[in-house]
Amino acid sequence: MKRRNVVFKEQAGHQVVLFPQSIGERIPVHHPVRLVDRVVDELNLDRIMATYKGGGTSSYHPRMLLKVLFYAYFQNIYSCRRIARAL
């Protein structure tokens, strides 16, 4: 399979914030968002990644978008507008 020049936006979930505390340290150990994070990180996204053509501005990584969608569904938020407001 030919490699495409796809550039994704940086994911801030594992980066240190402006203050000494990281985002991960602010989330309780047994919070459901950690489960969603682990599950989506285990998914094989090869078929989804193959649909990205590359070029133009950077895209949000499909893994990050799936995490948002899964967590929203987990919270019984199904409307795109409500998901956008929650973000």
N, C-alpha and C. Protein backbone atom coordinates (compact mmCIF):
# COMPACT_ATOMS: atom_id res chain seq x y z
N MET A 1 0.83 -1.17 0.00
CA MET A 1 0.00 0.00 0.00
C MET A 1 0.89 1.25 0.00
N LYS A 2 0.56 2.21 -0.84
CA LYS A 2 1.34 3.43 -0.95
C LYS A 2 1.05 4.34 0.23
N ARG A 3 2.11 4.90 0.84
CA ARG A 3 1.99 5.81 1.98
C ARG A 3 1.55 7.18 1.49
N ARG A 4 0.58 7.76 2.16
CA ARG A 4 0.11 9.11 1.81
C ARG A 4 0.67 10.10 2.80
N ASN A 5 0.81 11.34 2.38
CA ASN A 5 1.35 12.39 3.23
C ASN A 5 0.21 13.02 4.03
N VAL A 6 -0.18 12.35 5.13
CA VAL A 6 -1.27 12.83 5.97
C VAL A 6 -0.67 13.42 7.23
N VAL A 7 -1.09 14.65 7.59
CA VAL A 7 -0.61 15.30 8.79
C VAL A 7 -1.81 15.51 9.72
N PHE A 8 -1.67 15.06 10.99
CA PHE A 8 -2.74 15.21 11.96
C PHE A 8 -2.37 16.28 12.99
N LYS A 9 -3.37 16.91 13.56
CA LYS A 9 -3.16 17.88 14.62
C LYS A 9 -2.63 17.15 15.85
N GLU A 10 -1.86 17.84 16.68
CA GLU A 10 -1.32 17.24 17.89
C GLU A 10 -2.43 16.92 18.87
N GLN A 11 -2.31 15.81 19.59
CA GLN A 11 -3.26 15.44 20.64
C GLN A 11 -2.70 15.93 21.96
N ALA A 12 -3.49 16.69 22.70
CA ALA A 12 -3.01 17.28 23.95
C ALA A 12 -3.27 16.39 25.16
N GLY A 13 -3.89 15.24 24.99
CA GLY A 13 -4.27 14.40 26.12
C GLY A 13 -3.11 13.93 26.99
N HIS A 14 -1.94 13.77 26.42
CA HIS A 14 -0.80 13.26 27.18
C HIS A 14 0.29 14.33 27.34
N GLN A 15 -0.05 15.57 27.07
CA GLN A 15 0.93 16.63 27.18
C GLN A 15 0.74 17.38 28.49
N VAL A 16 1.81 18.00 28.96
CA VAL A 16 1.75 18.80 30.17
C VAL A 16 1.05 20.12 29.86
N VAL A 17 0.18 20.56 30.77
CA VAL A 17 -0.52 21.83 30.59
C VAL A 17 0.37 22.96 31.08
N LEU A 18 -0.11 24.19 31.05
CA LEU A 18 0.69 25.34 31.47
C LEU A 18 1.13 25.25 32.94
N PHE A 19 0.33 24.62 33.74
CA PHE A 19 0.64 24.50 35.16
C PHE A 19 1.39 23.20 35.41
N PRO A 20 1.99 23.01 36.57
CA PRO A 20 2.80 21.82 36.81
C PRO A 20 2.05 20.50 36.69
N GLN A 21 0.73 20.52 36.77
CA GLN A 21 -0.06 19.31 36.74
C GLN A 21 -0.44 18.93 35.30
N SER A 22 -0.39 17.65 34.97
CA SER A 22 -0.81 17.23 33.63
C SER A 22 -2.30 16.93 33.64
N ILE A 23 -2.90 16.89 32.46
CA ILE A 23 -4.33 16.62 32.35
C ILE A 23 -4.65 15.26 32.95
N GLY A 24 -3.82 14.27 32.67
CA GLY A 24 -4.03 12.93 33.19
C GLY A 24 -4.08 12.85 34.70
N GLU A 25 -3.32 13.70 35.37
CA GLU A 25 -3.31 13.71 36.84
C GLU A 25 -4.60 14.27 37.41
N ARG A 26 -5.34 15.01 36.62
CA ARG A 26 -6.58 15.62 37.10
C ARG A 26 -7.78 14.68 36.93
N ILE A 27 -7.58 13.57 36.21
CA ILE A 27 -8.67 12.62 35.97
C ILE A 27 -8.54 11.48 36.98
N PRO A 28 -9.61 11.20 37.75
CA PRO A 28 -9.54 10.11 38.73
C PRO A 28 -9.18 8.78 38.06
N VAL A 29 -8.55 7.91 38.83
CA VAL A 29 -8.04 6.64 38.32
C VAL A 29 -9.15 5.79 37.69
N HIS A 30 -10.32 5.75 38.28
CA HIS A 30 -11.39 4.88 37.79
C HIS A 30 -12.45 5.64 36.98
N HIS A 31 -12.10 6.79 36.45
CA HIS A 31 -13.04 7.57 35.63
C HIS A 31 -13.28 6.85 34.30
N PRO A 32 -14.53 6.83 33.81
CA PRO A 32 -14.83 6.13 32.55
C PRO A 32 -14.04 6.63 31.34
N VAL A 33 -13.59 7.85 31.36
CA VAL A 33 -12.83 8.35 30.21
C VAL A 33 -11.53 7.57 30.03
N ARG A 34 -11.00 7.03 31.11
CA ARG A 34 -9.78 6.22 31.01
C ARG A 34 -10.06 4.90 30.28
N LEU A 35 -11.23 4.33 30.50
CA LEU A 35 -11.63 3.11 29.80
C LEU A 35 -11.77 3.38 28.30
N VAL A 36 -12.46 4.46 27.96
CA VAL A 36 -12.62 4.84 26.55
C VAL A 36 -11.25 5.04 25.91
N ASP A 37 -10.35 5.72 26.61
CA ASP A 37 -9.01 5.97 26.10
C ASP A 37 -8.29 4.66 25.79
N ARG A 38 -8.34 3.71 26.73
CA ARG A 38 -7.66 2.42 26.53
C ARG A 38 -8.28 1.62 25.39
N VAL A 39 -9.61 1.59 25.35
CA VAL A 39 -10.30 0.80 24.32
C VAL A 39 -9.98 1.33 22.93
N VAL A 40 -10.08 2.63 22.74
CA VAL A 40 -9.83 3.22 21.41
C VAL A 40 -8.36 3.08 21.03
N ASP A 41 -7.46 3.18 21.99
CA ASP A 41 -6.04 3.00 21.70
C ASP A 41 -5.74 1.59 21.20
N GLU A 42 -6.57 0.61 21.55
CA GLU A 42 -6.37 -0.78 21.13
C GLU A 42 -6.97 -1.08 19.76
N LEU A 43 -7.82 -0.21 19.24
CA LEU A 43 -8.51 -0.47 17.97
C LEU A 43 -7.54 -0.40 16.79
N ASN A 44 -7.76 -1.25 15.83
CA ASN A 44 -7.02 -1.21 14.58
C ASN A 44 -7.74 -0.22 13.64
N LEU A 45 -7.12 0.89 13.35
CA LEU A 45 -7.74 1.93 12.53
C LEU A 45 -7.18 1.96 11.11
N ASP A 46 -6.56 0.89 10.67
CA ASP A 46 -5.94 0.86 9.34
C ASP A 46 -6.93 1.22 8.23
N ARG A 47 -8.13 0.67 8.29
CA ARG A 47 -9.11 0.94 7.23
C ARG A 47 -9.55 2.41 7.24
N ILE A 48 -9.69 2.98 8.42
CA ILE A 48 -10.07 4.39 8.53
C ILE A 48 -8.92 5.26 8.04
N MET A 49 -7.70 4.93 8.48
CA MET A 49 -6.52 5.72 8.09
C MET A 49 -6.31 5.71 6.58
N ALA A 50 -6.66 4.63 5.93
CA ALA A 50 -6.47 4.51 4.49
C ALA A 50 -7.38 5.45 3.71
N THR A 51 -8.45 5.95 4.35
CA THR A 51 -9.36 6.85 3.65
C THR A 51 -8.87 8.29 3.62
N TYR A 52 -7.87 8.63 4.44
CA TYR A 52 -7.34 10.00 4.46
C TYR A 52 -6.43 10.20 3.27
N LYS A 53 -6.67 11.24 2.51
CA LYS A 53 -5.91 11.49 1.29
C LYS A 53 -4.63 12.29 1.54
N GLY A 54 -4.61 13.09 2.58
CA GLY A 54 -3.44 13.93 2.86
C GLY A 54 -3.51 15.23 2.08
N GLY A 55 -2.56 16.09 2.35
CA GLY A 55 -2.55 17.40 1.71
C GLY A 55 -3.45 18.36 2.47
N GLY A 56 -3.35 19.63 2.14
CA GLY A 56 -4.17 20.63 2.83
C GLY A 56 -3.74 20.81 4.27
N THR A 57 -4.64 21.36 5.06
CA THR A 57 -4.32 21.60 6.47
C THR A 57 -4.36 20.29 7.26
N SER A 58 -3.79 20.29 8.43
CA SER A 58 -3.76 19.07 9.25
C SER A 58 -5.16 18.72 9.73
N SER A 59 -5.38 17.44 9.94
CA SER A 59 -6.68 16.93 10.39
C SER A 59 -6.57 16.52 11.85
N TYR A 60 -7.72 16.41 12.51
CA TYR A 60 -7.71 15.81 13.84
C TYR A 60 -7.54 14.31 13.64
N HIS A 61 -6.77 13.69 14.51
CA HIS A 61 -6.49 12.27 14.38
C HIS A 61 -7.78 11.47 14.60
N PRO A 62 -8.04 10.47 13.76
CA PRO A 62 -9.25 9.67 13.90
C PRO A 62 -9.39 9.04 15.29
N ARG A 63 -8.27 8.68 15.89
CA ARG A 63 -8.31 8.08 17.23
C ARG A 63 -8.90 9.07 18.24
N MET A 64 -8.49 10.32 18.17
CA MET A 64 -8.99 11.34 19.08
C MET A 64 -10.48 11.58 18.83
N LEU A 65 -10.89 11.62 17.56
CA LEU A 65 -12.29 11.84 17.23
C LEU A 65 -13.16 10.68 17.71
N LEU A 66 -12.66 9.46 17.60
CA LEU A 66 -13.40 8.31 18.10
C LEU A 66 -13.54 8.36 19.63
N LYS A 67 -12.51 8.80 20.31
CA LYS A 67 -12.58 8.93 21.77
C LYS A 67 -13.67 9.92 22.16
N VAL A 68 -13.73 11.04 21.46
CA VAL A 68 -14.77 12.03 21.73
C VAL A 68 -16.15 11.42 21.49
N LEU A 69 -16.32 10.76 20.37
CA LEU A 69 -17.61 10.18 20.02
C LEU A 69 -18.02 9.08 21.01
N PHE A 70 -17.12 8.17 21.32
CA PHE A 70 -17.43 7.08 22.26
C PHE A 70 -17.78 7.63 23.64
N TYR A 71 -17.01 8.60 24.11
CA TYR A 71 -17.29 9.15 25.45
C TYR A 71 -18.62 9.90 25.46
N ALA A 72 -18.92 10.63 24.40
CA ALA A 72 -20.20 11.33 24.30
C ALA A 72 -21.35 10.31 24.35
N TYR A 73 -21.24 9.24 23.59
CA TYR A 73 -22.27 8.20 23.61
C TYR A 73 -22.37 7.58 25.00
N PHE A 74 -21.24 7.37 25.65
CA PHE A 74 -21.22 6.83 27.00
C PHE A 74 -21.98 7.74 27.96
N GLN A 75 -21.95 9.04 27.70
CA GLN A 75 -22.64 10.03 28.52
C GLN A 75 -24.06 10.31 28.01
N ASN A 76 -24.54 9.47 27.10
CA ASN A 76 -25.89 9.61 26.50
C ASN A 76 -26.05 10.93 25.74
N ILE A 77 -24.99 11.36 25.10
CA ILE A 77 -25.04 12.55 24.25
C ILE A 77 -24.90 12.04 22.81
N TYR A 78 -25.94 12.22 22.02
CA TYR A 78 -25.95 11.67 20.66
C TYR A 78 -26.02 12.75 19.58
N SER A 79 -26.46 13.94 19.94
CA SER A 79 -26.61 15.02 18.99
C SER A 79 -25.24 15.66 18.71
N CYS A 80 -24.94 15.91 17.45
CA CYS A 80 -23.66 16.56 17.09
C CYS A 80 -23.55 17.92 17.75
N ARG A 81 -24.63 18.66 17.83
CA ARG A 81 -24.59 19.99 18.45
C ARG A 81 -24.34 19.88 19.95
N ARG A 82 -24.95 18.90 20.59
CA ARG A 82 -24.71 18.72 22.04
C ARG A 82 -23.28 18.26 22.30
N ILE A 83 -22.76 17.41 21.42
CA ILE A 83 -21.36 16.97 21.57
C ILE A 83 -20.45 18.18 21.43
N ALA A 84 -20.70 19.03 20.44
CA ALA A 84 -19.88 20.23 20.24
C ALA A 84 -19.95 21.14 21.46
N ARG A 85 -21.14 21.32 22.04
CA ARG A 85 -21.26 22.14 23.25
C ARG A 85 -20.50 21.53 24.42
N ALA A 86 -20.57 20.20 24.55
CA ALA A 86 -19.87 19.53 25.63
C ALA A 86 -18.35 19.69 25.50
N LEU A 87 -17.87 19.72 24.28
CA LEU A 87 -16.43 19.90 24.07
C LEU A 87 -16.00 21.29 24.51
